[in-house]
Amino acid sequence: MALILLALLLVLFVLIYKFSMAPYGVFRDRGIVHESPRPFIGNLSLRVLFGRTPFIEMLIHKYQKFKQYKVYGFYNIREPFFVLHDVELIKKVGIQDFDYFTNHRDMIAEFSESLFSKCLISLKGDKWREMRNTLTPAFTGSKLKAMFELINECSLEGVRYIESELRNSNSLDIELEMKDYFERFANDVIASAAFGIKVNSFVDKTNQFYKAGQSVIHFTGLAMLKIILYGIMPRVIKALGISLFDPRKTEYFKSLIFDAMKYRAEHKIIRSDMIHLLMEAKRNFLLQETIPESSTEHAEFNDDDLLAQCVLFFVVGFEIMSVCLAYLTYELCMNPTVQSKLYEEIHKVEQELQGKPLTYPMLSKMKYMDLVISELLRLWPPAFSLDRVCSKDIDILDDNQEVLAKFRKDDIIIIPVIALHRDPENFPEPDRFKPERFLEENKDQIKPFTYLPFGLGPRSCIGKLTLFNNSTNKLQSCFYLFSGNRMALMEVKSIIYHLLSKFQLVPGEKTVKNMMDSLKGFHMQPKDKFWIKFVRRDVL
């Protein structure tokens, strides 16, 4: 009996092992260099999974290890990723052969049945093209500029909060945790400039809009476990009816948006915010002529589609913006020379204003601020990697008709943005915060397709600015300026302008000394958080 039980256990072990290793023959069969995968987790590091090593450090390490190869393989749990290192390949995939690589991958099987599947970033093929063409006219510079006063008022509230805290503490300086601070600032901007409601999350720290946003953005440990299980056994988890997202979390936003739309329509109210722009986009979409017969799948623009875009803007505007601003204030704090130069520019603008409120045109004149933000996005890009899915088989050739790479239908292509940004061959002294890299006279030193903070090609950020050669109308550079994303730029410039005009940022007792060492796992918030000391300038 014991022998039979042992034999059954041995068979079970073999079956489990075979199941765990079943997906890992792709790169071997295709002749793609890669590391030996581990059962179930592939090439994903256990130290990353258990939060002991930052994911971005692993990404940079793998890039350096396989740098001499144009493509290398990485098994992300059970998914094979074809990681690109060659800039010629990156250009081909992102631009020249874009029709073969139009779509992003499905992050999780659950997404296909959730509200997130209707977001612009999740749409595929013709549905994506039609929605992109519908939304792009709504986000012109002139329309976004109209939001400036709403954004600037939120910045002023943020400064008033710090001044109030200083008065209450009867002190000349104060230490603040910047991720929490900028979450509240970004929350108020989104509430005002996107959803058309007035909140002050610095004063009312538990307002309903802020709490609803926290529930959507921040995953609990259980949600993270579900994400891992979906990656390992999506069919099993789906069959068990386990849902990743709680649909009740979107109900608050749903009622908020549609009640506002109904009220505005009934009272003929026009407000320069995101809801108004999306209402315009929906109206224009419904007025369009019939979609060409060549289009196989069509986009829709019903209430759920409009809600999905609002939720997408909330996620981007809340989480990504607060993280970027936290890193920006940290870098200014740790680089006092850069902070001093930026303050000099801010002080000159203040003198020009002569006591008048800050305006969008004056904000646009701050060129050193542009350099600082561009360097921030190099060192800490919002997206550490880009992905594309191959829609049909293709052999990619170079200019001499030599094969660069062979991709097959459903291959997942990854571009390791942060590794490109931190490659010393692309950016000398890559770990140094040096805004002067982006001076006009230094732009030629930046290699095309090595700086990709807002993505690449037609599927890059909807507000991005791309530099073209007018004589040929062909893309000559992949140098994306942060000024392309006008709303994000207004938000960052406005709050940084007002903070630095009133306070000097200096390291405090809790300030992280080495940011990379403080990052763990997939989290972009250091374990010791973003503590920075604010010192009043009028006492310096």
Protein backbone atom coordinates (compact mmCIF):
# COMPACT_ATOMS: atom_id res chain seq x y z
CA MET A 1 0.00 0.00 0.00
CA ALA A 2 2.85 2.34 0.86
CA LEU A 3 4.49 1.64 -2.50
CA ILE A 4 1.25 2.42 -4.35
CA LEU A 5 0.84 5.68 -2.42
CA LEU A 6 4.46 6.60 -3.14
CA ALA A 7 3.97 5.82 -6.84
CA LEU A 8 0.82 7.97 -6.97
CA LEU A 9 2.63 10.84 -5.27
CA LEU A 10 5.50 10.49 -7.74
CA VAL A 11 3.08 10.56 -10.70
CA LEU A 12 1.30 13.58 -9.20
CA PHE A 13 4.63 15.35 -8.73
CA VAL A 14 5.64 14.64 -12.33
CA LEU A 15 2.29 15.90 -13.64
CA ILE A 16 2.51 19.09 -11.58
CA TYR A 17 6.09 19.65 -12.73
CA LYS A 18 5.14 19.10 -16.38
CA PHE A 19 2.24 21.56 -15.98
CA SER A 20 4.51 24.10 -14.31
CA MET A 21 7.10 23.88 -17.12
CA ALA A 22 4.70 23.45 -20.06
CA PRO A 23 4.91 27.05 -21.43
CA TYR A 24 8.69 27.27 -21.26
CA GLY A 25 9.75 25.83 -24.61
CA VAL A 26 9.02 28.91 -26.74
CA PHE A 27 12.42 30.58 -26.63
CA ARG A 28 14.32 27.30 -26.93
CA ASP A 29 12.36 26.36 -30.04
CA ARG A 30 12.78 29.85 -31.55
CA GLY A 31 16.50 30.17 -30.80
CA ILE A 32 16.04 33.18 -28.48
CA VAL A 33 18.63 33.63 -25.74
CA HIS A 34 17.13 33.45 -22.23
CA GLU A 35 17.74 32.27 -18.69
CA SER A 36 16.47 28.88 -17.54
CA PRO A 37 12.93 29.32 -16.17
CA ARG A 38 11.71 28.11 -12.79
CA PRO A 39 8.48 26.16 -12.29
CA PHE A 40 5.37 28.36 -12.30
CA ILE A 41 7.20 31.73 -12.05
CA GLY A 42 9.43 31.51 -15.14
CA ASN A 43 12.20 34.12 -15.01
CA LEU A 44 10.48 36.35 -12.48
CA SER A 45 12.71 36.74 -9.45
CA LEU A 46 11.51 35.35 -6.13
CA ARG A 47 13.12 38.36 -4.46
CA VAL A 48 10.90 40.63 -6.56
CA LEU A 49 7.78 38.55 -5.89
CA PHE A 50 8.39 38.66 -2.13
CA GLY A 51 9.24 42.35 -2.15
CA ARG A 52 12.95 42.11 -1.36
CA THR A 53 14.31 43.55 -4.63
CA PRO A 54 12.76 46.29 -6.82
CA PHE A 55 11.34 45.11 -10.12
CA ILE A 56 12.98 47.99 -11.99
CA GLU A 57 16.42 46.95 -10.71
CA MET A 58 15.81 43.45 -12.10
CA LEU A 59 14.73 44.96 -15.42
CA ILE A 60 17.92 47.03 -15.66
CA HIS A 61 20.10 44.05 -14.64
CA LYS A 62 18.59 41.78 -17.32
CA TYR A 63 19.05 44.49 -19.92
CA GLN A 64 22.74 44.82 -19.11
CA LYS A 65 23.25 41.04 -19.00
CA PHE A 66 21.79 40.49 -22.49
CA LYS A 67 22.74 43.85 -23.96
CA GLN A 68 24.71 42.37 -26.86
CA TYR A 69 21.57 40.64 -28.17
CA LYS A 70 18.92 42.44 -30.23
CA VAL A 71 16.18 40.36 -28.57
CA TYR A 72 16.18 38.23 -25.46
CA GLY A 73 13.48 36.08 -23.87
CA PHE A 74 11.88 36.55 -20.47
CA TYR A 75 9.17 34.30 -19.02
CA ASN A 76 6.88 36.52 -16.95
CA ILE A 77 5.28 33.81 -14.82
CA ARG A 78 3.84 31.76 -17.76
CA GLU A 79 3.92 34.41 -20.49
CA PRO A 80 6.91 34.57 -22.88
CA PHE A 81 8.11 38.15 -23.43
CA PHE A 82 10.35 39.09 -26.36
CA VAL A 83 12.41 41.97 -24.93
CA LEU A 84 13.93 44.41 -27.44
CA HIS A 85 17.32 46.06 -26.98
CA ASP A 86 18.08 47.17 -30.51
CA VAL A 87 16.88 50.71 -31.32
CA GLU A 88 16.34 49.80 -34.96
CA LEU A 89 13.98 47.03 -33.87
CA ILE A 90 12.24 49.39 -31.45
CA LYS A 91 11.64 51.84 -34.31
CA LYS A 92 10.34 49.09 -36.59
CA VAL A 93 7.92 47.70 -33.99
CA GLY A 94 6.71 51.06 -32.71
CA ILE A 95 6.42 52.97 -35.98
CA GLN A 96 7.45 51.49 -39.33
CA ASP A 97 5.73 48.12 -38.86
CA PHE A 98 3.09 49.47 -36.49
CA ASP A 99 0.24 47.70 -38.32
CA TYR A 100 1.69 44.40 -37.09
CA PHE A 101 2.00 45.65 -33.50
CA THR A 102 -1.08 47.81 -32.95
CA ASN A 103 -2.35 46.41 -29.65
CA HIS A 104 -1.31 46.21 -26.04
CA ARG A 105 -1.48 42.86 -24.33
CA ASP A 106 -4.36 41.99 -22.00
CA MET A 107 -2.97 42.62 -18.56
CA ILE A 108 -5.30 40.12 -16.89
CA ALA A 109 -8.04 37.90 -18.26
CA GLU A 110 -10.52 39.67 -15.98
CA PHE A 111 -9.95 42.93 -17.84
CA SER A 112 -11.88 41.63 -20.83
CA GLU A 113 -15.07 41.67 -18.77
CA SER A 114 -14.52 44.82 -16.77
CA LEU A 115 -15.01 48.52 -17.27
CA PHE A 116 -11.25 48.79 -17.87
CA SER A 117 -11.63 46.90 -21.15
CA LYS A 118 -13.39 49.98 -22.60
CA CYS A 119 -10.56 52.39 -21.73
CA LEU A 120 -8.61 53.78 -24.66
CA ILE A 121 -5.46 52.01 -23.52
CA SER A 122 -7.23 48.61 -23.60
CA LEU A 123 -9.05 48.89 -26.95
CA LYS A 124 -7.67 47.01 -29.91
CA GLY A 125 -7.48 47.35 -33.70
CA ASP A 126 -10.16 49.44 -35.38
CA LYS A 127 -11.94 50.04 -32.09
CA TRP A 128 -8.82 51.73 -30.75
CA ARG A 129 -8.28 53.77 -33.94
CA GLU A 130 -11.85 55.08 -33.95
CA MET A 131 -11.82 55.96 -30.25
CA ARG A 132 -8.41 57.62 -30.55
CA ASN A 133 -9.62 59.69 -33.53
CA THR A 134 -12.68 60.67 -31.52
CA LEU A 135 -10.82 61.71 -28.37
CA THR A 136 -7.80 63.47 -29.91
CA PRO A 137 -9.68 66.63 -31.08
CA ALA A 138 -11.10 67.03 -27.57
CA PHE A 139 -7.63 67.42 -26.08
CA THR A 140 -6.21 70.31 -28.06
CA GLY A 141 -4.00 72.83 -26.32
CA SER A 142 -6.60 75.60 -26.33
CA LYS A 143 -9.21 73.40 -24.65
CA LEU A 144 -6.80 72.14 -22.01
CA LYS A 145 -5.53 75.65 -21.27
CA ALA A 146 -9.03 76.54 -20.16
CA MET A 147 -8.51 74.18 -17.19
CA PHE A 148 -5.49 76.12 -15.93
CA GLU A 149 -7.37 78.27 -13.42
CA LEU A 150 -8.95 75.15 -11.89
CA ILE A 151 -5.54 73.47 -11.58
CA ASN A 152 -3.81 76.59 -10.26
CA GLU A 153 -6.39 77.06 -7.52
CA CYS A 154 -5.68 73.51 -6.29
CA SER A 155 -1.96 74.38 -6.21
CA LEU A 156 -2.66 77.45 -4.09
CA GLU A 157 -4.72 75.34 -1.68
CA GLY A 158 -1.77 72.97 -1.38
CA VAL A 159 0.53 75.84 -0.38
CA ARG A 160 -2.03 77.25 2.06
CA TYR A 161 -2.15 73.86 3.77
CA ILE A 162 1.63 73.85 4.41
CA GLU A 163 1.51 77.46 5.65
CA SER A 164 -1.33 76.51 8.00
CA GLU A 165 0.63 73.52 9.34
CA LEU A 166 3.64 75.75 9.98
CA ARG A 167 1.51 78.27 11.86
CA ASN A 168 -0.10 75.54 13.95
CA SER A 169 3.28 74.06 14.83
CA ASN A 170 4.80 77.50 15.44
CA SER A 171 7.83 76.38 13.47
CA LEU A 172 9.93 77.63 10.56
CA ASP A 173 10.08 74.22 8.89
CA ILE A 174 8.06 71.05 8.62
CA GLU A 175 8.57 67.50 7.31
CA LEU A 176 5.90 66.16 4.96
CA GLU A 177 5.33 62.77 3.34
CA MET A 178 5.05 63.77 -0.31
CA LYS A 179 3.18 60.79 -1.76
CA ASP A 180 0.24 61.43 0.59
CA TYR A 181 0.51 65.18 -0.04
CA PHE A 182 0.47 64.85 -3.82
CA GLU A 183 -2.27 62.22 -3.75
CA ARG A 184 -4.47 64.83 -2.09
CA PHE A 185 -3.38 67.52 -4.55
CA ALA A 186 -3.93 65.23 -7.56
CA ASN A 187 -7.28 64.13 -6.13
CA ASP A 188 -8.48 67.74 -5.92
CA VAL A 189 -7.23 68.50 -9.46
CA ILE A 190 -9.08 65.49 -10.86
CA ALA A 191 -12.21 66.32 -8.88
CA SER A 192 -12.22 69.90 -10.17
CA ALA A 193 -10.68 69.71 -13.65
CA ALA A 194 -12.15 66.35 -14.64
CA PHE A 195 -15.33 65.70 -12.66
CA GLY A 196 -16.49 69.25 -12.03
CA ILE A 197 -16.76 69.13 -8.24
CA LYS A 198 -15.00 71.16 -5.57
CA VAL A 199 -13.20 69.32 -2.77
CA ASN A 200 -10.27 70.21 -0.52
CA SER A 201 -8.55 67.00 0.54
CA PHE A 202 -6.01 68.90 2.64
CA VAL A 203 -8.78 70.20 4.91
CA ASP A 204 -11.35 67.41 4.57
CA LYS A 205 -8.94 64.47 4.63
CA THR A 206 -11.64 61.80 4.40
CA ASN A 207 -13.96 63.30 1.79
CA GLN A 208 -15.98 60.82 -0.23
CA PHE A 209 -14.21 61.52 -3.53
CA TYR A 210 -10.79 60.88 -1.98
CA LYS A 211 -11.90 57.65 -0.27
CA ALA A 212 -13.49 56.37 -3.49
CA GLY A 213 -10.31 57.11 -5.40
CA GLN A 214 -8.16 55.31 -2.81
CA SER A 215 -10.32 52.20 -3.12
CA VAL A 216 -9.91 52.12 -6.91
CA ILE A 217 -6.17 52.85 -7.00
CA HIS A 218 -4.72 50.92 -4.08
CA PHE A 219 -4.86 47.13 -4.27
CA THR A 220 -4.97 45.16 -1.04
CA GLY A 221 -2.77 42.14 -0.43
CA LEU A 222 -5.70 39.91 -1.42
CA ALA A 223 -6.06 41.71 -4.75
CA MET A 224 -2.33 41.28 -5.44
CA LEU A 225 -2.68 37.55 -4.71
CA LYS A 226 -5.57 37.37 -7.19
CA ILE A 227 -3.41 39.06 -9.84
CA ILE A 228 -0.68 36.42 -9.37
CA LEU A 229 -3.20 33.57 -9.48
CA TYR A 230 -4.76 35.01 -12.64
CA GLY A 231 -1.28 34.97 -14.19
CA ILE A 232 -0.65 31.33 -13.22
CA MET A 233 -4.07 29.77 -13.78
CA PRO A 234 -6.50 32.26 -15.37
CA ARG A 235 -9.06 29.66 -16.51
CA VAL A 236 -9.29 28.02 -13.09
CA ILE A 237 -9.69 31.34 -11.24
CA LYS A 238 -12.25 32.54 -13.77
CA ALA A 239 -14.19 29.27 -13.52
CA LEU A 240 -14.33 29.70 -9.74
CA GLY A 241 -15.99 33.07 -10.29
CA ILE A 242 -13.27 35.01 -8.46
CA SER A 243 -13.41 38.65 -9.54
CA LEU A 244 -10.41 40.94 -9.33
CA PHE A 245 -12.35 44.21 -9.28
CA ASP A 246 -15.29 45.04 -7.06
CA PRO A 247 -17.92 46.59 -9.40
CA ARG A 248 -19.29 48.61 -6.48
CA LYS A 249 -16.12 50.72 -6.54
CA THR A 250 -17.13 52.34 -9.81
CA GLU A 251 -20.73 53.08 -8.80
CA TYR A 252 -19.78 56.30 -7.00
CA PHE A 253 -18.01 57.65 -10.10
CA LYS A 254 -20.84 56.46 -12.32
CA SER A 255 -23.50 58.39 -10.42
CA LEU A 256 -21.19 61.38 -10.06
CA ILE A 257 -20.53 61.64 -13.79
CA PHE A 258 -24.01 60.98 -15.10
CA ASP A 259 -25.74 63.16 -12.53
CA ALA A 260 -23.39 66.00 -13.51
CA MET A 261 -24.07 65.43 -17.21
CA LYS A 262 -27.81 65.39 -16.67
CA TYR A 263 -27.72 68.57 -14.57
CA ARG A 264 -25.58 70.41 -17.13
CA ALA A 265 -27.81 69.37 -20.01
CA GLU A 266 -30.96 70.47 -18.18
CA HIS A 267 -29.51 73.83 -17.11
CA LYS A 268 -27.37 74.42 -20.22
CA ILE A 269 -24.19 74.71 -18.15
CA ILE A 270 -20.78 74.61 -19.81
CA ARG A 271 -17.73 74.08 -17.59
CA SER A 272 -14.16 73.73 -18.86
CA ASP A 273 -13.40 70.31 -17.46
CA MET A 274 -12.86 66.73 -18.61
CA ILE A 275 -16.52 65.75 -18.48
CA HIS A 276 -17.35 68.59 -20.87
CA LEU A 277 -14.58 67.50 -23.27
CA LEU A 278 -15.76 63.90 -23.21
CA MET A 279 -19.38 64.96 -23.72
CA GLU A 280 -18.20 66.92 -26.76
CA ALA A 281 -16.23 63.93 -28.01
CA LYS A 282 -19.27 61.67 -27.62
CA ARG A 283 -21.50 64.16 -29.42
CA ASN A 284 -19.01 64.41 -32.32
CA PHE A 285 -18.69 60.62 -32.47
CA LEU A 286 -22.45 60.20 -32.84
CA LEU A 287 -22.48 62.83 -35.62
CA GLN A 288 -19.78 61.05 -37.64
CA GLU A 289 -20.56 59.53 -40.98
CA THR A 290 -20.93 55.77 -41.29
CA ILE A 291 -17.77 53.85 -40.42
CA PRO A 292 -16.00 52.51 -43.57
CA GLU A 293 -16.95 48.96 -44.53
CA SER A 294 -13.26 47.97 -44.39
CA SER A 295 -13.41 48.39 -40.61
CA THR A 296 -14.19 44.99 -39.09
CA GLU A 297 -14.72 46.03 -35.47
CA HIS A 298 -16.23 49.34 -34.49
CA ALA A 299 -15.81 51.49 -31.42
CA GLU A 300 -18.83 52.53 -29.45
CA PHE A 301 -19.36 55.63 -27.36
CA ASN A 302 -22.19 54.84 -25.00
CA ASP A 303 -22.39 55.77 -21.33
CA ASP A 304 -20.10 52.93 -20.25
CA ASP A 305 -17.47 54.02 -22.80
CA LEU A 306 -17.56 57.58 -21.50
CA LEU A 307 -17.35 56.33 -17.92
CA ALA A 308 -14.37 54.13 -18.84
CA GLN A 309 -12.42 57.10 -20.22
CA CYS A 310 -13.18 59.09 -17.05
CA VAL A 311 -11.92 56.24 -14.88
CA LEU A 312 -8.78 55.98 -17.03
CA PHE A 313 -8.09 59.70 -16.63
CA PHE A 314 -8.66 59.34 -12.90
CA VAL A 315 -6.17 56.46 -12.58
CA VAL A 316 -3.54 58.28 -14.64
CA GLY A 317 -4.16 61.67 -13.06
CA PHE A 318 -4.27 60.39 -9.49
CA GLU A 319 -1.66 57.67 -9.12
CA ILE A 320 0.87 58.44 -11.86
CA MET A 321 0.80 62.18 -11.22
CA SER A 322 1.27 61.82 -7.45
CA VAL A 323 4.20 59.41 -7.93
CA CYS A 324 5.88 61.69 -10.51
CA LEU A 325 5.53 64.74 -8.28
CA ALA A 326 6.84 62.84 -5.25
CA TYR A 327 9.94 61.81 -7.21
CA LEU A 328 10.35 65.34 -8.58
CA THR A 329 10.36 66.98 -5.15
CA TYR A 330 12.71 64.25 -3.92
CA GLU A 331 15.20 64.93 -6.74
CA LEU A 332 14.99 68.69 -6.14
CA CYS A 333 15.59 68.09 -2.45
CA MET A 334 18.64 65.91 -3.14
CA ASN A 335 20.02 68.21 -5.87
CA PRO A 336 20.17 71.70 -4.32
CA THR A 337 22.00 73.23 -7.31
CA VAL A 338 19.16 72.22 -9.63
CA GLN A 339 16.61 73.50 -7.11
CA SER A 340 18.42 76.86 -6.90
CA LYS A 341 18.42 77.29 -10.69
CA LEU A 342 14.74 76.45 -10.84
CA TYR A 343 13.96 78.88 -8.02
CA GLU A 344 15.82 81.64 -9.89
CA GLU A 345 13.56 81.05 -12.89
CA ILE A 346 10.47 81.07 -10.67
CA HIS A 347 11.59 84.29 -8.96
CA LYS A 348 12.02 86.01 -12.35
CA VAL A 349 8.47 85.01 -13.30
CA GLU A 350 7.19 86.35 -9.97
CA GLN A 351 8.90 89.68 -10.65
CA GLU A 352 7.35 89.87 -14.11
CA LEU A 353 3.90 89.18 -12.69
CA GLN A 354 4.26 92.07 -10.20
CA GLY A 355 1.85 90.55 -7.73
CA LYS A 356 -0.67 89.39 -10.34
CA PRO A 357 -1.89 85.74 -10.38
CA LEU A 358 0.11 83.16 -12.29
CA THR A 359 -1.10 82.69 -15.88
CA TYR A 360 -0.70 79.91 -18.41
CA PRO A 361 1.46 82.01 -20.79
CA MET A 362 3.85 82.87 -17.95
CA LEU A 363 3.98 79.23 -16.94
CA SER A 364 4.89 78.29 -20.52
CA LYS A 365 7.95 80.57 -20.41
CA MET A 366 9.67 78.43 -17.77
CA LYS A 367 12.17 76.57 -19.93
CA TYR A 368 14.41 75.31 -17.14
CA MET A 369 11.31 73.77 -15.54
CA ASP A 370 10.84 71.83 -18.81
CA LEU A 371 14.41 70.53 -18.57
CA VAL A 372 13.91 69.45 -14.96
CA ILE A 373 10.72 67.57 -15.79
CA SER A 374 12.26 65.92 -18.85
CA GLU A 375 15.16 64.67 -16.72
CA LEU A 376 12.73 63.41 -14.07
CA LEU A 377 10.94 61.35 -16.72
CA ARG A 378 14.24 59.90 -17.84
CA LEU A 379 15.27 58.82 -14.36
CA TRP A 380 11.79 57.79 -13.16
CA PRO A 381 9.59 57.21 -16.25
CA PRO A 382 5.83 56.73 -15.61
CA ALA A 383 5.91 53.44 -17.56
CA PHE A 384 9.02 51.31 -16.97
CA SER A 385 8.33 49.24 -20.06
CA LEU A 386 6.12 49.28 -23.14
CA ASP A 387 4.32 46.29 -24.60
CA ARG A 388 2.91 45.35 -27.99
CA VAL A 389 1.25 42.20 -29.32
CA CYS A 390 2.16 40.87 -32.76
CA SER A 391 -1.07 40.56 -34.78
CA LYS A 392 0.37 38.44 -37.63
CA ASP A 393 3.63 36.74 -38.55
CA ILE A 394 6.40 39.10 -39.67
CA ASP A 395 10.12 38.93 -40.44
CA ILE A 396 11.57 42.34 -39.61
CA LEU A 397 14.36 43.40 -41.98
CA ASP A 398 16.98 46.12 -41.68
CA ASP A 399 17.88 48.62 -44.40
CA ASN A 400 20.13 45.99 -46.04
CA GLN A 401 17.27 43.48 -46.08
CA GLU A 402 18.95 41.38 -43.39
CA VAL A 403 16.62 39.74 -40.85
CA LEU A 404 16.63 41.60 -37.53
CA ALA A 405 14.02 39.39 -35.85
CA LYS A 406 11.17 37.01 -36.59
CA PHE A 407 7.93 37.46 -34.71
CA ARG A 408 4.83 35.29 -34.84
CA LYS A 409 1.16 35.99 -34.21
CA ASP A 410 0.39 36.66 -30.52
CA ASP A 411 4.04 37.18 -29.54
CA ILE A 412 4.31 39.74 -26.73
CA ILE A 413 6.97 42.39 -27.38
CA ILE A 414 8.49 44.37 -24.50
CA ILE A 415 10.54 47.58 -24.71
CA PRO A 416 12.43 48.12 -21.39
CA VAL A 417 12.11 51.92 -21.15
CA ILE A 418 13.82 52.44 -17.81
CA ALA A 419 16.76 50.26 -18.85
CA LEU A 420 17.21 52.34 -22.03
CA HIS A 421 17.01 55.52 -19.95
CA ARG A 422 19.66 54.25 -17.52
CA ASP A 423 22.08 52.85 -20.08
CA PRO A 424 25.35 54.84 -19.77
CA GLU A 425 25.85 54.51 -23.53
CA ASN A 426 22.59 56.40 -24.06
CA PHE A 427 22.88 58.81 -21.14
CA PRO A 428 26.32 59.33 -19.55
CA GLU A 429 26.23 59.28 -15.75
CA PRO A 430 22.74 57.76 -15.92
CA ASP A 431 22.08 57.87 -12.17
CA ARG A 432 22.85 61.58 -11.95
CA PHE A 433 19.97 64.07 -12.07
CA LYS A 434 21.17 66.41 -14.82
CA PRO A 435 18.47 68.53 -16.55
CA GLU A 436 21.04 70.12 -18.88
CA ARG A 437 20.96 66.93 -20.97
CA PHE A 438 17.82 68.32 -22.56
CA LEU A 439 19.10 71.76 -23.49
CA GLU A 440 18.47 72.65 -27.12
CA GLU A 441 22.17 72.38 -27.95
CA ASN A 442 22.37 68.89 -26.37
CA LYS A 443 19.36 67.29 -28.06
CA ASP A 444 21.46 65.85 -30.88
CA GLN A 445 23.38 63.81 -28.30
CA ILE A 446 20.22 61.91 -27.37
CA LYS A 447 20.01 58.82 -29.54
CA PRO A 448 16.66 58.31 -31.29
CA PHE A 449 14.38 55.78 -29.60
CA THR A 450 16.29 55.74 -26.32
CA TYR A 451 14.05 58.28 -24.53
CA LEU A 452 10.46 57.05 -24.35
CA PRO A 453 8.70 58.41 -21.25
CA PHE A 454 5.30 58.68 -22.99
CA GLY A 455 5.50 55.67 -25.22
CA LEU A 456 6.21 55.21 -28.88
CA GLY A 457 4.44 55.77 -32.17
CA PRO A 458 0.67 56.02 -32.65
CA ARG A 459 -0.08 54.27 -29.34
CA SER A 460 1.87 56.74 -27.25
CA CYS A 461 0.26 59.17 -24.79
CA ILE A 462 -2.70 60.99 -26.39
CA GLY A 463 -1.32 64.41 -25.48
CA LYS A 464 2.29 63.82 -26.48
CA LEU A 465 4.30 66.03 -28.81
CA THR A 466 6.50 64.33 -31.41
CA LEU A 467 9.30 66.00 -33.31
CA PHE A 468 9.05 65.52 -37.08
CA ASN A 469 11.27 66.44 -39.98
CA ASN A 470 8.98 68.70 -41.98
CA SER A 471 10.75 68.13 -45.28
CA THR A 472 10.12 64.39 -45.35
CA ASN A 473 7.22 64.07 -42.90
CA LYS A 474 8.98 61.01 -41.48
CA LEU A 475 9.76 60.54 -37.84
CA GLN A 476 13.39 61.50 -37.28
CA SER A 477 13.53 61.46 -33.52
CA CYS A 478 11.84 59.83 -30.59
CA PHE A 479 12.46 62.83 -28.36
CA TYR A 480 9.18 63.33 -26.52
CA LEU A 481 8.85 66.56 -24.60
CA PHE A 482 6.78 66.59 -21.45
CA SER A 483 5.16 69.73 -22.81
CA GLY A 484 3.28 67.48 -25.23
CA ASN A 485 1.09 66.31 -22.39
CA ARG A 486 -0.29 69.76 -21.70
CA MET A 487 -2.59 69.02 -18.82
CA ALA A 488 0.07 67.05 -16.93
CA LEU A 489 2.59 69.82 -17.56
CA MET A 490 0.21 72.49 -16.25
CA GLU A 491 -0.39 70.44 -13.13
CA VAL A 492 3.30 69.78 -12.40
CA LYS A 493 4.50 73.29 -13.23
CA SER A 494 1.76 74.97 -11.23
CA ILE A 495 2.29 73.11 -7.96
CA ILE A 496 6.11 73.16 -8.19
CA TYR A 497 6.05 76.89 -9.01
CA HIS A 498 4.01 77.70 -5.91
CA LEU A 499 5.89 75.32 -3.59
CA LEU A 500 9.36 76.56 -4.53
CA SER A 501 8.29 80.20 -4.49
CA LYS A 502 7.41 79.82 -0.79
CA PHE A 503 9.66 77.03 0.49
CA GLN A 504 13.10 75.51 0.13
CA LEU A 505 13.13 71.71 -0.02
CA VAL A 506 15.86 70.11 2.09
CA PRO A 507 16.58 66.58 3.35
CA GLY A 508 15.06 65.81 6.72
CA GLU A 509 15.69 63.09 9.28
CA LYS A 510 13.34 60.68 7.48
CA THR A 511 14.46 61.48 3.91
CA VAL A 512 15.60 58.41 1.94
CA LYS A 513 19.32 58.55 1.19
CA ASN A 514 19.34 55.99 -1.65
CA MET A 515 16.01 55.68 -3.46
CA MET A 516 16.74 52.47 -5.37
CA ASP A 517 17.76 50.67 -2.18
CA SER A 518 14.49 51.69 -0.56
CA LEU A 519 12.26 50.33 -3.36
CA LYS A 520 10.90 46.81 -2.98
CA GLY A 521 9.02 44.48 -5.33
CA PHE A 522 6.61 46.10 -7.77
CA HIS A 523 5.92 49.12 -5.55
CA MET A 524 7.21 52.51 -6.63
CA GLN A 525 6.87 54.02 -3.18
CA PRO A 526 10.03 53.52 -1.09
CA LYS A 527 9.56 51.58 2.13
CA ASP A 528 10.68 54.70 4.02
CA LYS A 529 8.31 56.87 1.95
CA PHE A 530 8.94 60.34 0.48
CA TRP A 531 9.72 62.48 3.53
CA ILE A 532 11.00 66.00 2.73
CA LYS A 533 11.54 69.06 4.91
CA PHE A 534 9.97 72.39 3.86
CA VAL A 535 11.72 75.56 5.05
CA ARG A 536 10.05 78.98 4.67
CA ARG A 537 12.02 81.17 2.26
CA ASP A 538 11.08 84.39 4.01
CA VAL A 539 13.28 83.39 6.98
CA LEU A 540 16.31 82.19 5.01
